[in-house]
Amino acid sequence: MSALVFMALYRPKTGKENELKEILKVHIPVLREEDLITERELLTLQAEDGTIIEIAEWKSSEAIDKAHQSEKVMAIWNQIGALAELTNLSSLAEAQYPFPNFKAI
């Protein structure tokens, strides 16, 4: 089965941007430790409103299910959820343009 690329969008809660960035430093390494994502280089972007976008590649659709069963992954996702609103592309001002630009972080 072919791999799937995901985009995760996190809008930091007020005053939580630095804490969110710290937990995101371990997010992708844990997904790799758990053998859930490929070695494709992570792309981390930031929208004008502060939303952080992670773009990575799952190894398979089964890996997505495994992530939801991993205590390590769920612990990180719970921390992310406490620090940020999970949002979508259409909520970003940049999404109104055919060629949106984001800051690389």
PDB file of N, CA and C in Angstrom:
ATOM      1  N   MET A   1       0.839  -1.177   0.000  1.00  0.00           N
ATOM      2  CA  MET A   1       0.000   0.000   0.000  1.00  0.00           C
ATOM      3  C   MET A   1       0.889   1.246   0.000  1.00  0.00           C
ATOM      4  N   SER A   2       0.473   2.251  -0.698  1.00  0.00           N
ATOM      5  CA  SER A   2       1.287   3.471  -0.783  1.00  0.00           C
ATOM      6  C   SER A   2       1.142   4.304   0.483  1.00  0.00           C
ATOM      7  N   ALA A   3       2.147   5.099   0.740  1.00  0.00           N
ATOM      8  CA  ALA A   3       2.158   5.955   1.919  1.00  0.00           C
ATOM      9  C   ALA A   3       1.221   7.147   1.719  1.00  0.00           C
ATOM     10  N   LEU A   4       0.796   7.718   2.815  1.00  0.00           N
ATOM     11  CA  LEU A   4      -0.112   8.860   2.798  1.00  0.00           C
ATOM     12  C   LEU A   4       0.554  10.048   3.474  1.00  0.00           C
ATOM     13  N   VAL A   5       0.495  11.196   2.849  1.00  0.00           N
ATOM     14  CA  VAL A   5       1.063  12.419   3.422  1.00  0.00           C
ATOM     15  C   VAL A   5      -0.020  13.091   4.259  1.00  0.00           C
ATOM     16  N   PHE A   6       0.354  13.531   5.448  1.00  0.00           N
ATOM     17  CA  PHE A   6      -0.613  14.255   6.277  1.00  0.00           C
ATOM     18  C   PHE A   6      -0.142  15.665   6.548  1.00  0.00           C
ATOM     19  N   MET A   7      -1.119  16.516   6.779  1.00  0.00           N
ATOM     20  CA  MET A   7      -0.878  17.885   7.225  1.00  0.00           C
ATOM     21  C   MET A   7      -1.624  18.039   8.543  1.00  0.00           C
ATOM     22  N   ALA A   8      -0.901  18.299   9.599  1.00  0.00           N
ATOM     23  CA  ALA A   8      -1.509  18.537  10.902  1.00  0.00           C
ATOM     24  C   ALA A   8      -1.392  20.025  11.199  1.00  0.00           C
ATOM     25  N   LEU A   9      -2.507  20.635  11.553  1.00  0.00           N
ATOM     26  CA  LEU A   9      -2.538  22.073  11.801  1.00  0.00           C
ATOM     27  C   LEU A   9      -2.904  22.340  13.251  1.00  0.00           C
ATOM     28  N   TYR A  10      -2.030  23.084  13.924  1.00  0.00           N
ATOM     29  CA  TYR A  10      -2.193  23.375  15.342  1.00  0.00           C
ATOM     30  C   TYR A  10      -2.191  24.893  15.544  1.00  0.00           C
ATOM     31  N   ARG A  11      -3.298  25.441  16.025  1.00  0.00           N
ATOM     32  CA  ARG A  11      -3.355  26.866  16.345  1.00  0.00           C
ATOM     33  C   ARG A  11      -3.118  27.002  17.846  1.00  0.00           C
ATOM     34  N   PRO A  12      -1.955  27.530  18.247  1.00  0.00           N
ATOM     35  CA  PRO A  12      -1.628  27.605  19.676  1.00  0.00           C
ATOM     36  C   PRO A  12      -2.657  28.397  20.471  1.00  0.00           C
ATOM     37  N   LYS A  13      -2.976  27.891  21.648  1.00  0.00           N
ATOM     38  CA  LYS A  13      -3.831  28.649  22.558  1.00  0.00           C
ATOM     39  C   LYS A  13      -3.015  29.840  23.054  1.00  0.00           C
ATOM     40  N   THR A  14      -3.690  30.865  23.513  1.00  0.00           N
ATOM     41  CA  THR A  14      -3.039  32.091  23.960  1.00  0.00           C
ATOM     42  C   THR A  14      -1.913  31.789  24.947  1.00  0.00           C
ATOM     43  N   GLY A  15      -0.730  32.281  24.614  1.00  0.00           N
ATOM     44  CA  GLY A  15       0.429  32.130  25.491  1.00  0.00           C
ATOM     45  C   GLY A  15       1.061  30.746  25.477  1.00  0.00           C
ATOM     46  N   LYS A  16       0.624  29.856  24.594  1.00  0.00           N
ATOM     47  CA  LYS A  16       1.105  28.471  24.594  1.00  0.00           C
ATOM     48  C   LYS A  16       1.991  28.126  23.391  1.00  0.00           C
ATOM     49  N   GLU A  17       2.335  29.104  22.558  1.00  0.00           N
ATOM     50  CA  GLU A  17       3.103  28.822  21.346  1.00  0.00           C
ATOM     51  C   GLU A  17       4.450  28.162  21.652  1.00  0.00           C
ATOM     52  N   ASN A  18       5.188  28.680  22.614  1.00  0.00           N
ATOM     53  CA  ASN A  18       6.503  28.106  22.913  1.00  0.00           C
ATOM     54  C   ASN A  18       6.394  26.684  23.459  1.00  0.00           C
ATOM     55  N   GLU A  19       5.410  26.443  24.323  1.00  0.00           N
ATOM     56  CA  GLU A  19       5.204  25.096  24.854  1.00  0.00           C
ATOM     57  C   GLU A  19       4.832  24.134  23.724  1.00  0.00           C
ATOM     58  N   LEU A  20       3.995  24.595  22.821  1.00  0.00           N
ATOM     59  CA  LEU A  20       3.603  23.767  21.678  1.00  0.00           C
ATOM     60  C   LEU A  20       4.820  23.424  20.828  1.00  0.00           C
ATOM     61  N   LYS A  21       5.645  24.402  20.542  1.00  0.00           N
ATOM     62  CA  LYS A  21       6.846  24.141  19.741  1.00  0.00           C
ATOM     63  C   LYS A  21       7.758  23.126  20.424  1.00  0.00           C
ATOM     64  N   GLU A  22       7.828  23.165  21.735  1.00  0.00           N
ATOM     65  CA  GLU A  22       8.675  22.211  22.469  1.00  0.00           C
ATOM     66  C   GLU A  22       8.140  20.785  22.331  1.00  0.00           C
ATOM     67  N   ILE A  23       6.843  20.590  22.489  1.00  0.00           N
ATOM     68  CA  ILE A  23       6.293  19.238  22.375  1.00  0.00           C
ATOM     69  C   ILE A  23       6.370  18.752  20.936  1.00  0.00           C
ATOM     70  N   LEU A  24       6.266  19.654  19.976  1.00  0.00           N
ATOM     71  CA  LEU A  24       6.371  19.243  18.570  1.00  0.00           C
ATOM     72  C   LEU A  24       7.782  18.757  18.232  1.00  0.00           C
ATOM     73  N   LYS A  25       8.775  19.172  19.015  1.00  0.00           N
ATOM     74  CA  LYS A  25      10.140  18.690  18.791  1.00  0.00           C
ATOM     75  C   LYS A  25      10.256  17.185  19.021  1.00  0.00           C
ATOM     76  N   VAL A  26       9.389  16.631  19.857  1.00  0.00           N
ATOM     77  CA  VAL A  26       9.436  15.187  20.111  1.00  0.00           C
ATOM     78  C   VAL A  26       8.361  14.418  19.344  1.00  0.00           C
ATOM     79  N   HIS A  27       7.394  15.117  18.791  1.00  0.00           N
ATOM     80  CA  HIS A  27       6.288  14.472  18.087  1.00  0.00           C
ATOM     81  C   HIS A  27       6.756  13.557  16.959  1.00  0.00           C
ATOM     82  N   ILE A  28       7.478  14.120  16.020  1.00  0.00           N
ATOM     83  CA  ILE A  28       7.905  13.345  14.848  1.00  0.00           C
ATOM     84  C   ILE A  28       8.909  12.256  15.245  1.00  0.00           C
ATOM     85  N   PRO A  29       9.893  12.538  16.100  1.00  0.00           N
ATOM     86  CA  PRO A  29      10.779  11.449  16.523  1.00  0.00           C
ATOM     87  C   PRO A  29      10.030  10.261  17.140  1.00  0.00           C
ATOM     88  N   VAL A  30       8.989  10.532  17.923  1.00  0.00           N
ATOM     89  CA  VAL A  30       8.218   9.429  18.513  1.00  0.00           C
ATOM     90  C   VAL A  30       7.469   8.668  17.420  1.00  0.00           C
ATOM     91  N   LEU A  31       6.886   9.378  16.467  1.00  0.00           N
ATOM     92  CA  LEU A  31       6.209   8.683  15.371  1.00  0.00           C
ATOM     93  C   LEU A  31       7.195   7.796  14.601  1.00  0.00           C
ATOM     94  N   ARG A  32       8.424   8.252  14.463  1.00  0.00           N
ATOM     95  CA  ARG A  32       9.448   7.441  13.786  1.00  0.00           C
ATOM     96  C   ARG A  32       9.868   6.257  14.660  1.00  0.00           C
ATOM     97  N   GLU A  33      10.060   6.488  15.949  1.00  0.00           N
ATOM     98  CA  GLU A  33      10.408   5.405  16.886  1.00  0.00           C
ATOM     99  C   GLU A  33       9.370   4.292  16.839  1.00  0.00           C
ATOM    100  N   GLU A  34       8.125   4.688  16.723  1.00  0.00           N
ATOM    101  CA  GLU A  34       7.025   3.727  16.695  1.00  0.00           C
ATOM    102  C   GLU A  34       6.844   3.125  15.294  1.00  0.00           C
ATOM    103  N   ASP A  35       7.716   3.513  14.350  1.00  0.00           N
ATOM    104  CA  ASP A  35       7.711   2.997  12.974  1.00  0.00           C
ATOM    105  C   ASP A  35       6.401   3.293  12.246  1.00  0.00           C
ATOM    106  N   LEU A  36       5.891   4.503  12.449  1.00  0.00           N
ATOM    107  CA  LEU A  36       4.603   4.897  11.877  1.00  0.00           C
ATOM    108  C   LEU A  36       4.732   5.809  10.669  1.00  0.00           C
ATOM    109  N   ILE A  37       5.828   6.556  10.602  1.00  0.00           N
ATOM    110  CA  ILE A  37       6.018   7.468   9.475  1.00  0.00           C
ATOM    111  C   ILE A  37       7.335   7.160   8.775  1.00  0.00           C
ATOM    112  N   THR A  38       7.428   7.637   7.557  1.00  0.00           N
ATOM    113  CA  THR A  38       8.619   7.396   6.750  1.00  0.00           C
ATOM    114  C   THR A  38       9.737   8.352   7.164  1.00  0.00           C
ATOM    115  N   GLU A  39      10.874   8.176   6.542  1.00  0.00           N
ATOM    116  CA  GLU A  39      12.020   9.051   6.789  1.00  0.00           C
ATOM    117  C   GLU A  39      11.974  10.311   5.920  1.00  0.00           C
ATOM    118  N   ARG A  40      10.905  10.478   5.154  1.00  0.00           N
ATOM    119  CA  ARG A  40      10.764  11.702   4.350  1.00  0.00           C
ATOM    120  C   ARG A  40      10.933  12.901   5.276  1.00  0.00           C
ATOM    121  N   GLU A  41      11.627  13.903   4.807  1.00  0.00           N
ATOM    122  CA  GLU A  41      11.901  15.069   5.641  1.00  0.00           C
ATOM    123  C   GLU A  41      10.614  15.761   6.068  1.00  0.00           C
ATOM    124  N   LEU A  42      10.520  16.073   7.352  1.00  0.00           N
ATOM    125  CA  LEU A  42       9.383  16.794   7.900  1.00  0.00           C
ATOM    126  C   LEU A  42       9.419  18.232   7.394  1.00  0.00           C
ATOM    127  N   LEU A  43       8.260  18.745   7.069  1.00  0.00           N
ATOM    128  CA  LEU A  43       8.136  20.157   6.719  1.00  0.00           C
ATOM    129  C   LEU A  43       7.271  20.803   7.794  1.00  0.00           C
ATOM    130  N   THR A  44       7.816  21.801   8.461  1.00  0.00           N
ATOM    131  CA  THR A  44       7.074  22.517   9.497  1.00  0.00           C
ATOM    132  C   THR A  44       6.952  23.970   9.065  1.00  0.00           C
ATOM    133  N   LEU A  45       5.716  24.448   9.019  1.00  0.00           N
ATOM    134  CA  LEU A  45       5.406  25.787   8.533  1.00  0.00           C
ATOM    135  C   LEU A  45       4.594  26.537   9.569  1.00  0.00           C
ATOM    136  N   GLN A  46       4.527  27.860   9.403  1.00  0.00           N
ATOM    137  CA  GLN A  46       3.681  28.649  10.285  1.00  0.00           C
ATOM    138  C   GLN A  46       2.895  29.656   9.461  1.00  0.00           C
ATOM    139  N   ALA A  47       1.592  29.691   9.710  1.00  0.00           N
ATOM    140  CA  ALA A  47       0.706  30.642   9.044  1.00  0.00           C
ATOM    141  C   ALA A  47       0.805  32.002   9.730  1.00  0.00           C
ATOM    142  N   GLU A  48       0.282  32.997   9.070  1.00  0.00           N
ATOM    143  CA  GLU A  48       0.320  34.360   9.595  1.00  0.00           C
ATOM    144  C   GLU A  48      -0.365  34.461  10.960  1.00  0.00           C
ATOM    145  N   ASP A  49      -1.400  33.662  11.195  1.00  0.00           N
ATOM    146  CA  ASP A  49      -2.117  33.722  12.472  1.00  0.00           C
ATOM    147  C   ASP A  49      -1.452  32.902  13.578  1.00  0.00           C
ATOM    148  N   GLY A  50      -0.278  32.309  13.295  1.00  0.00           N
ATOM    149  CA  GLY A  50       0.457  31.535  14.282  1.00  0.00           C
ATOM    150  C   GLY A  50       0.228  30.037  14.201  1.00  0.00           C
ATOM    151  N   THR A  51      -0.713  29.604  13.371  1.00  0.00           N
ATOM    152  CA  THR A  51      -0.976  28.172  13.227  1.00  0.00           C
ATOM    153  C   THR A  51       0.274  27.476  12.707  1.00  0.00           C
ATOM    154  N   ILE A  52       0.629  26.371  13.358  1.00  0.00           N
ATOM    155  CA  ILE A  52       1.783  25.579  12.949  1.00  0.00           C
ATOM    156  C   ILE A  52       1.279  24.394  12.138  1.00  0.00           C
ATOM    157  N   ILE A  53       1.935  24.146  11.020  1.00  0.00           N
ATOM    158  CA  ILE A  53       1.549  23.073  10.111  1.00  0.00           C
ATOM    159  C   ILE A  53       2.710  22.083  10.021  1.00  0.00           C
ATOM    160  N   GLU A  54       2.419  20.822  10.322  1.00  0.00           N
ATOM    161  CA  GLU A  54       3.405  19.753  10.140  1.00  0.00           C
ATOM    162  C   GLU A  54       2.976  18.933   8.931  1.00  0.00           C
ATOM    163  N   ILE A  55       3.922  18.659   8.054  1.00  0.00           N
ATOM    164  CA  ILE A  55       3.653  17.820   6.891  1.00  0.00           C
ATOM    165  C   ILE A  55       4.637  16.660   6.925  1.00  0.00           C
ATOM    166  N   ALA A  56       4.098  15.460   6.991  1.00  0.00           N
ATOM    167  CA  ALA A  56       4.908  14.252   7.060  1.00  0.00           C
ATOM    168  C   ALA A  56       4.177  13.136   6.322  1.00  0.00           C
ATOM    169  N   GLU A  57       4.784  11.961   6.313  1.00  0.00           N
ATOM    170  CA  GLU A  57       4.241  10.853   5.534  1.00  0.00           C
ATOM    171  C   GLU A  57       4.074   9.603   6.393  1.00  0.00           C
ATOM    172  N   TRP A  58       2.834   9.121   6.494  1.00  0.00           N
ATOM    173  CA  TRP A  58       2.570   7.850   7.154  1.00  0.00           C
ATOM    174  C   TRP A  58       3.176   6.726   6.336  1.00  0.00           C
ATOM    175  N   LYS A  59       3.571   5.658   6.982  1.00  0.00           N
ATOM    176  CA  LYS A  59       4.072   4.482   6.254  1.00  0.00           C
ATOM    177  C   LYS A  59       2.935   3.753   5.542  1.00  0.00           C
ATOM    178  N   SER A  60       1.738   3.810   6.127  1.00  0.00           N
ATOM    179  CA  SER A  60       0.585   3.116   5.548  1.00  0.00           C
ATOM    180  C   SER A  60      -0.676   3.582   6.260  1.00  0.00           C
ATOM    181  N   SER A  61      -1.811   3.198   5.732  1.00  0.00           N
ATOM    182  CA  SER A  61      -3.054   3.526   6.434  1.00  0.00           C
ATOM    183  C   SER A  61      -3.147   2.752   7.748  1.00  0.00           C
ATOM    184  N   GLU A  62      -2.537   1.569   7.799  1.00  0.00           N
ATOM    185  CA  GLU A  62      -2.497   0.795   9.045  1.00  0.00           C
ATOM    186  C   GLU A  62      -1.708   1.535  10.122  1.00  0.00           C
ATOM    187  N   ALA A  63      -0.686   2.269   9.706  1.00  0.00           N
ATOM    188  CA  ALA A  63       0.124   3.033  10.660  1.00  0.00           C
ATOM    189  C   ALA A  63      -0.719   4.088  11.374  1.00  0.00           C
ATOM    190  N   ILE A  64      -1.691   4.642  10.682  1.00  0.00           N
ATOM    191  CA  ILE A  64      -2.580   5.632  11.307  1.00  0.00           C
ATOM    192  C   ILE A  64      -3.334   4.978  12.459  1.00  0.00           C
ATOM    193  N   ASP A  65      -3.868   3.787  12.204  1.00  0.00           N
ATOM    194  CA  ASP A  65      -4.584   3.062  13.260  1.00  0.00           C
ATOM    195  C   ASP A  65      -3.651   2.720  14.423  1.00  0.00           C
ATOM    196  N   LYS A  66      -2.434   2.290  14.098  1.00  0.00           N
ATOM    197  CA  LYS A  66      -1.461   1.941  15.134  1.00  0.00           C
ATOM    198  C   LYS A  66      -1.120   3.156  16.000  1.00  0.00           C
ATOM    199  N   ALA A  67      -1.050   4.335  15.375  1.00  0.00           N
ATOM    200  CA  ALA A  67      -0.745   5.552  16.132  1.00  0.00           C
ATOM    201  C   ALA A  67      -1.783   5.779  17.222  1.00  0.00           C
ATOM    202  N   HIS A  68      -3.039   5.510  16.905  1.00  0.00           N
ATOM    203  CA  HIS A  68      -4.116   5.709  17.876  1.00  0.00           C
ATOM    204  C   HIS A  68      -4.111   4.654  18.986  1.00  0.00           C
ATOM    205  N   GLN A  69      -3.315   3.613  18.817  1.00  0.00           N
ATOM    206  CA  GLN A  69      -3.200   2.563  19.833  1.00  0.00           C
ATOM    207  C   GLN A  69      -1.902   2.681  20.637  1.00  0.00           C
ATOM    208  N   SER A  70      -1.029   3.599  20.236  1.00  0.00           N
ATOM    209  CA  SER A  70       0.258   3.778  20.902  1.00  0.00           C
ATOM    210  C   SER A  70       0.118   4.723  22.099  1.00  0.00           C
ATOM    211  N   GLU A  71       0.504   4.238  23.270  1.00  0.00           N
ATOM    212  CA  GLU A  71       0.449   5.081  24.464  1.00  0.00           C
ATOM    213  C   GLU A  71       1.368   6.294  24.330  1.00  0.00           C
ATOM    214  N   LYS A  72       2.554   6.088  23.753  1.00  0.00           N
ATOM    215  CA  LYS A  72       3.502   7.196  23.575  1.00  0.00           C
ATOM    216  C   LYS A  72       2.920   8.282  22.673  1.00  0.00           C
ATOM    217  N   VAL A  73       2.360   7.859  21.549  1.00  0.00           N
ATOM    218  CA  VAL A  73       1.802   8.824  20.590  1.00  0.00           C
ATOM    219  C   VAL A  73       0.601   9.537  21.199  1.00  0.00           C
ATOM    220  N   MET A  74      -0.278   8.779  21.815  1.00  0.00           N
ATOM    221  CA  MET A  74      -1.476   9.385  22.399  1.00  0.00           C
ATOM    222  C   MET A  74      -1.115  10.377  23.505  1.00  0.00           C
ATOM    223  N   ALA A  75      -0.078  10.102  24.265  1.00  0.00           N
ATOM    224  CA  ALA A  75       0.355  11.037  25.311  1.00  0.00           C
ATOM    225  C   ALA A  75       0.776  12.370  24.693  1.00  0.00           C
ATOM    226  N   ILE A  76       1.504  12.301  23.590  1.00  0.00           N
ATOM    227  CA  ILE A  76       1.931  13.533  22.905  1.00  0.00           C
ATOM    228  C   ILE A  76       0.727  14.237  22.299  1.00  0.00           C
ATOM    229  N   TRP A  77      -0.142  13.488  21.646  1.00  0.00           N
ATOM    230  CA  TRP A  77      -1.327  14.106  21.032  1.00  0.00           C
ATOM    231  C   TRP A  77      -2.205  14.769  22.091  1.00  0.00           C
ATOM    232  N   ASN A  78      -2.304  14.175  23.264  1.00  0.00           N
ATOM    233  CA  ASN A  78      -3.081  14.793  24.350  1.00  0.00           C
ATOM    234  C   ASN A  78      -2.439  16.098  24.804  1.00  0.00           C
ATOM    235  N   GLN A  79      -1.108  16.120  24.869  1.00  0.00           N
ATOM    236  CA  GLN A  79      -0.402  17.357  25.230  1.00  0.00           C
ATOM    237  C   GLN A  79      -0.626  18.429  24.167  1.00  0.00           C
ATOM    238  N   ILE A  80      -0.532  18.026  22.905  1.00  0.00           N
ATOM    239  CA  ILE A  80      -0.772  18.981  21.814  1.00  0.00           C
ATOM    240  C   ILE A  80      -2.189  19.546  21.939  1.00  0.00           C
ATOM    241  N   GLY A  81      -3.156  18.675  22.186  1.00  0.00           N
ATOM    242  CA  GLY A  81      -4.546  19.110  22.320  1.00  0.00           C
ATOM    243  C   GLY A  81      -4.761  20.081  23.466  1.00  0.00           C
ATOM    244  N   ALA A  82      -3.954  19.978  24.512  1.00  0.00           N
ATOM    245  CA  ALA A  82      -4.059  20.901  25.648  1.00  0.00           C
ATOM    246  C   ALA A  82      -3.454  22.270  25.336  1.00  0.00           C
ATOM    247  N   LEU A  83      -2.561  22.299  24.340  1.00  0.00           N
ATOM    248  CA  LEU A  83      -1.840  23.531  24.013  1.00  0.00           C
ATOM    249  C   LEU A  83      -2.347  24.239  22.769  1.00  0.00           C
ATOM    250  N   ALA A  84      -3.130  23.530  21.960  1.00  0.00           N
ATOM    251  CA  ALA A  84      -3.523  24.095  20.669  1.00  0.00           C
ATOM    252  C   ALA A  84      -4.896  23.609  20.238  1.00  0.00           C
ATOM    253  N   GLU A  85      -5.507  24.417  19.408  1.00  0.00           N
ATOM    254  CA  GLU A  85      -6.738  24.023  18.728  1.00  0.00           C
ATOM    255  C   GLU A  85      -6.318  23.299  17.453  1.00  0.00           C
ATOM    256  N   LEU A  86      -6.877  22.127  17.204  1.00  0.00           N
ATOM    257  CA  LEU A  86      -6.624  21.441  15.941  1.00  0.00           C
ATOM    258  C   LEU A  86      -7.548  22.072  14.911  1.00  0.00           C
ATOM    259  N   THR A  87      -6.986  22.481  13.806  1.00  0.00           N
ATOM    260  CA  THR A  87      -7.767  23.223  12.828  1.00  0.00           C
ATOM    261  C   THR A  87      -7.537  22.660  11.434  1.00  0.00           C
ATOM    262  N   ASN A  88      -8.056  23.336  10.413  1.00  0.00           N
ATOM    263  CA  ASN A  88      -7.907  22.858   9.035  1.00  0.00           C
ATOM    264  C   ASN A  88      -7.458  23.983   8.118  1.00  0.00           C
ATOM    265  N   LEU A  89      -7.049  23.595   6.932  1.00  0.00           N
ATOM    266  CA  LEU A  89      -6.520  24.573   5.977  1.00  0.00           C
ATOM    267  C   LEU A  89      -7.504  25.699   5.665  1.00  0.00           C
ATOM    268  N   SER A  90      -8.773  25.358   5.542  1.00  0.00           N
ATOM    269  CA  SER A  90      -9.749  26.379   5.146  1.00  0.00           C
ATOM    270  C   SER A  90      -9.888  27.485   6.183  1.00  0.00           C
ATOM    271  N   SER A  91      -9.417  27.260   7.411  1.00  0.00           N
ATOM    272  CA  SER A  91      -9.498  28.289   8.447  1.00  0.00           C
ATOM    273  C   SER A  91      -8.398  29.340   8.324  1.00  0.00           C
ATOM    274  N   LEU A  92      -7.427  29.091   7.470  1.00  0.00           N
ATOM    275  CA  LEU A  92      -6.283  30.003   7.327  1.00  0.00           C
ATOM    276  C   LEU A  92      -6.531  31.031   6.237  1.00  0.00           C
ATOM    277  N   ALA A  93      -6.132  32.262   6.488  1.00  0.00           N
ATOM    278  CA  ALA A  93      -6.259  33.315   5.480  1.00  0.00           C
ATOM    279  C   ALA A  93      -5.515  32.929   4.205  1.00  0.00           C
ATOM    280  N   GLU A  94      -4.383  32.246   4.372  1.00  0.00           N
ATOM    281  CA  GLU A  94      -3.570  31.857   3.218  1.00  0.00           C
ATOM    282  C   GLU A  94      -4.311  30.906   2.284  1.00  0.00           C
ATOM    283  N   ALA A  95      -5.276  30.178   2.799  1.00  0.00           N
ATOM    284  CA  ALA A  95      -6.009  29.196   1.995  1.00  0.00           C
ATOM    285  C   ALA A  95      -6.889  29.854   0.941  1.00  0.00           C
ATOM    286  N   GLN A  96      -7.058  31.150   1.030  1.00  0.00           N
ATOM    287  CA  GLN A  96      -7.890  31.861   0.055  1.00  0.00           C
ATOM    288  C   GLN A  96      -7.165  32.116  -1.259  1.00  0.00           C
ATOM    289  N   TYR A  97      -5.892  31.778  -1.304  1.00  0.00           N
ATOM    290  CA  TYR A  97      -5.066  32.043  -2.482  1.00  0.00           C
ATOM    291  C   TYR A  97      -4.645  30.738  -3.142  1.00  0.00           C
ATOM    292  N   PRO A  98      -4.502  30.761  -4.477  1.00  0.00           N
ATOM    293  CA  PRO A  98      -4.110  29.527  -5.167  1.00  0.00           C
ATOM    294  C   PRO A  98      -2.685  29.063  -4.835  1.00  0.00           C
ATOM    295  N   PHE A  99      -1.807  29.970  -4.455  1.00  0.00           N
ATOM    296  CA  PHE A  99      -0.434  29.629  -4.116  1.00  0.00           C
ATOM    297  C   PHE A  99      -0.103  30.229  -2.751  1.00  0.00           C
ATOM    298  N   PRO A 100      -0.621  29.616  -1.665  1.00  0.00           N
ATOM    299  CA  PRO A 100      -0.389  30.192  -0.343  1.00  0.00           C
ATOM    300  C   PRO A 100       1.070  30.107   0.065  1.00  0.00           C
ATOM    301  N   ASN A 101       1.507  31.079   0.825  1.00  0.00           N
ATOM    302  CA  ASN A 101       2.875  31.111   1.341  1.00  0.00           C
ATOM    303  C   ASN A 101       2.839  31.041   2.849  1.00  0.00           C
ATOM    304  N   PHE A 102       3.782  30.273   3.414  1.00  0.00           N
ATOM    305  CA  PHE A 102       3.905  30.103   4.851  1.00  0.00           C
ATOM    306  C   PHE A 102       5.350  30.294   5.243  1.00  0.00           C
ATOM    307  N   LYS A 103       5.562  30.676   6.491  1.00  0.00           N
ATOM    308  CA  LYS A 103       6.904  30.819   7.033  1.00  0.00           C
ATOM    309  C   LYS A 103       7.433  29.428   7.401  1.00  0.00           C
ATOM    310  N   ALA A 104       8.635  29.091   6.990  1.00  0.00           N
ATOM    311  CA  ALA A 104       9.266  27.831   7.387  1.00  0.00           C
ATOM    312  C   ALA A 104       9.816  27.975   8.795  1.00  0.00           C
ATOM    313  N   ILE A 105       9.583  26.975   9.633  1.00  0.00           N
ATOM    314  CA  ILE A 105      10.142  27.011  10.999  1.00  0.00           C
ATOM    315  C   ILE A 105      10.837  25.699  11.292  1.00  0.00           C
TER     316      ILE A 105
END
